[in-house]
Protein backbone atom coordinates (compact mmCIF):
# COMPACT_ATOMS: atom_id res chain seq x y z
CA MET A 1 -15.17 7.71 -61.61
CA HIS A 2 -15.83 4.37 -59.90
CA GLN A 3 -19.07 4.05 -57.94
CA CYS A 4 -19.25 1.65 -55.05
CA HIS A 5 -22.52 -0.23 -54.56
CA ARG A 6 -22.99 -1.10 -50.92
CA HIS A 7 -25.47 -3.53 -49.48
CA ASP A 8 -27.84 -1.83 -47.05
CA VAL A 9 -28.14 -4.18 -44.05
CA ASN A 10 -31.41 -2.46 -43.09
CA ARG A 11 -33.16 -3.60 -46.28
CA HIS A 12 -35.54 -6.50 -45.95
CA ASP A 13 -35.77 -9.43 -48.30
CA ALA A 14 -38.67 -11.76 -49.04
CA SER A 15 -37.97 -13.89 -45.96
CA ILE A 16 -38.95 -11.04 -43.58
CA ALA A 17 -42.63 -10.92 -42.66
CA SER A 18 -44.80 -9.14 -40.16
CA PHE A 19 -48.17 -10.22 -38.86
CA CYS A 20 -50.50 -9.72 -35.93
CA LEU A 21 -52.20 -12.49 -33.96
CA THR A 22 -55.38 -11.64 -32.08
CA CYS A 23 -57.12 -13.48 -29.26
CA ASP A 24 -60.74 -12.72 -28.45
CA GLN A 25 -60.68 -14.36 -25.01
CA PRO A 26 -58.47 -13.31 -22.07
CA ILE A 27 -55.08 -14.99 -22.10
CA HIS A 28 -53.81 -17.19 -19.27
CA TRP A 29 -50.58 -15.47 -18.20
CA THR A 30 -48.60 -18.59 -17.25
CA ALA A 31 -49.49 -20.42 -20.47
CA LEU A 32 -48.49 -17.37 -22.52
CA GLY A 33 -45.19 -17.05 -20.64
CA ILE A 34 -44.29 -20.69 -21.22
CA TRP A 35 -45.31 -20.47 -24.90
CA LEU A 36 -43.33 -17.30 -25.56
CA SER A 37 -40.27 -18.61 -23.70
CA LEU A 38 -40.27 -21.86 -25.68
CA LEU A 39 -40.84 -20.03 -28.97
CA LEU A 40 -37.97 -17.62 -28.37
CA TYR A 41 -35.68 -20.38 -27.16
CA ALA A 42 -36.34 -22.47 -30.26
CA ARG A 43 -36.64 -19.73 -32.90
CA GLY A 44 -35.39 -16.51 -31.30
CA ASP A 45 -32.84 -15.87 -34.02
CA ASP A 46 -35.73 -15.64 -36.49
CA ILE A 47 -38.06 -13.55 -34.33
CA LEU A 48 -36.75 -10.10 -35.01
CA ARG A 49 -39.40 -8.34 -32.92
CA VAL A 50 -42.44 -9.24 -30.86
CA LYS A 51 -44.75 -6.79 -29.12
CA GLY A 52 -48.24 -6.94 -27.86
CA ILE A 53 -51.06 -5.60 -25.77
CA LEU A 54 -52.71 -8.39 -23.81
CA ASN A 55 -55.99 -8.98 -22.08
CA VAL A 56 -54.73 -11.21 -19.29
CA ALA A 57 -57.26 -13.30 -17.37
CA GLY A 58 -57.81 -11.75 -13.95
CA ALA A 59 -56.18 -8.39 -14.81
CA SER A 60 -58.33 -5.28 -15.10
CA THR A 61 -55.86 -3.36 -17.27
CA PRO A 62 -53.82 -4.38 -20.32
CA VAL A 63 -50.35 -5.86 -20.13
CA VAL A 64 -47.74 -4.82 -22.68
CA ILE A 65 -45.00 -7.19 -23.82
CA HIS A 66 -42.06 -6.61 -26.13
CA GLY A 67 -38.92 -8.41 -27.09
CA VAL A 68 -36.18 -8.72 -29.66
CA GLN A 69 -34.93 -12.16 -30.67
CA HIS A 70 -34.04 -14.06 -27.46
CA LEU A 71 -34.49 -11.01 -25.20
CA VAL A 72 -37.88 -10.28 -23.62
CA HIS A 73 -38.28 -7.14 -21.57
CA PRO A 74 -40.29 -7.21 -18.35
CA PRO A 75 -44.00 -6.76 -19.02
CA SER A 76 -45.65 -3.50 -18.09
CA HIS A 77 -49.21 -2.68 -17.10
CA LEU A 78 -51.05 0.19 -18.70
CA PRO A 79 -53.39 2.22 -16.48
CA ARG A 80 -56.28 1.67 -18.93
CA TRP A 81 -57.18 0.30 -22.35
CA PRO A 82 -56.56 2.75 -25.21
CA ASP A 83 -60.04 2.06 -26.66
CA ALA A 84 -63.01 -0.30 -26.32
CA ASP A 85 -61.24 -3.19 -28.08
CA ARG A 86 -60.20 -5.69 -25.39
CA ARG A 87 -58.74 -8.32 -27.71
CA SER A 88 -55.13 -9.34 -27.17
CA ARG A 89 -52.89 -8.43 -30.10
CA ILE A 90 -49.37 -9.74 -30.60
CA VAL A 91 -47.29 -8.36 -33.48
CA PHE A 92 -44.37 -10.34 -34.88
CA ILE A 93 -41.61 -9.44 -37.29
CA THR A 94 -39.99 -12.69 -38.34
CA ARG A 95 -37.49 -14.16 -40.74
CA GLY A 96 -38.49 -17.38 -42.49
CA LEU A 97 -41.17 -18.40 -40.01
CA ASP A 98 -44.65 -19.54 -40.95
CA ARG A 99 -47.44 -17.51 -39.37
CA ALA A 100 -49.78 -20.50 -39.30
CA ARG A 101 -47.36 -22.55 -37.18
CA ILE A 102 -46.91 -19.75 -34.64
CA GLU A 103 -50.66 -19.18 -34.52
CA ALA A 104 -51.35 -22.91 -34.03
CA SER A 105 -48.81 -23.15 -31.22
CA LEU A 106 -50.34 -20.15 -29.43
CA ALA A 107 -53.81 -21.69 -29.77
CA ALA A 108 -52.55 -24.96 -28.27
CA PHE A 109 -51.00 -23.21 -25.27
CA SER A 110 -54.13 -21.06 -24.83
CA ARG A 111 -56.23 -24.24 -24.60
CA LEU A 112 -53.82 -25.61 -21.96
CA GLY A 113 -54.09 -22.38 -19.98
CA THR A 114 -57.88 -22.51 -20.11
CA ALA A 115 -57.85 -26.14 -18.97
CA ALA A 116 -55.43 -25.41 -16.13
CA ALA A 117 -57.53 -22.48 -14.92
CA ALA A 118 -60.58 -24.74 -14.70
CA ILE A 119 -58.86 -27.09 -12.24
């Protein structure tokens, strides 16, 4: 009897990684939107999933984001925080992308948002 070995397309290899970025301070919504748009435009094929709960400056409740590759769904607002932790958390599942580079780019855009809000 001949057995067929099939490749399971749902299996992950070493190039797939997941990580969570956290931000202690409220996020400037416009800066985040520009950052995420540019990131997905440039590397969307390698961002398999992004989701997050955000503490947006000026918002009293959390904002939820989620997307797959180049597609980002409209954000939604939760009626309240699930617990006392008000940090923003963004989870990524990526292919071949360096966490440190994504984290550095988010930090740079966060600084721009903070500077713009001060004007």
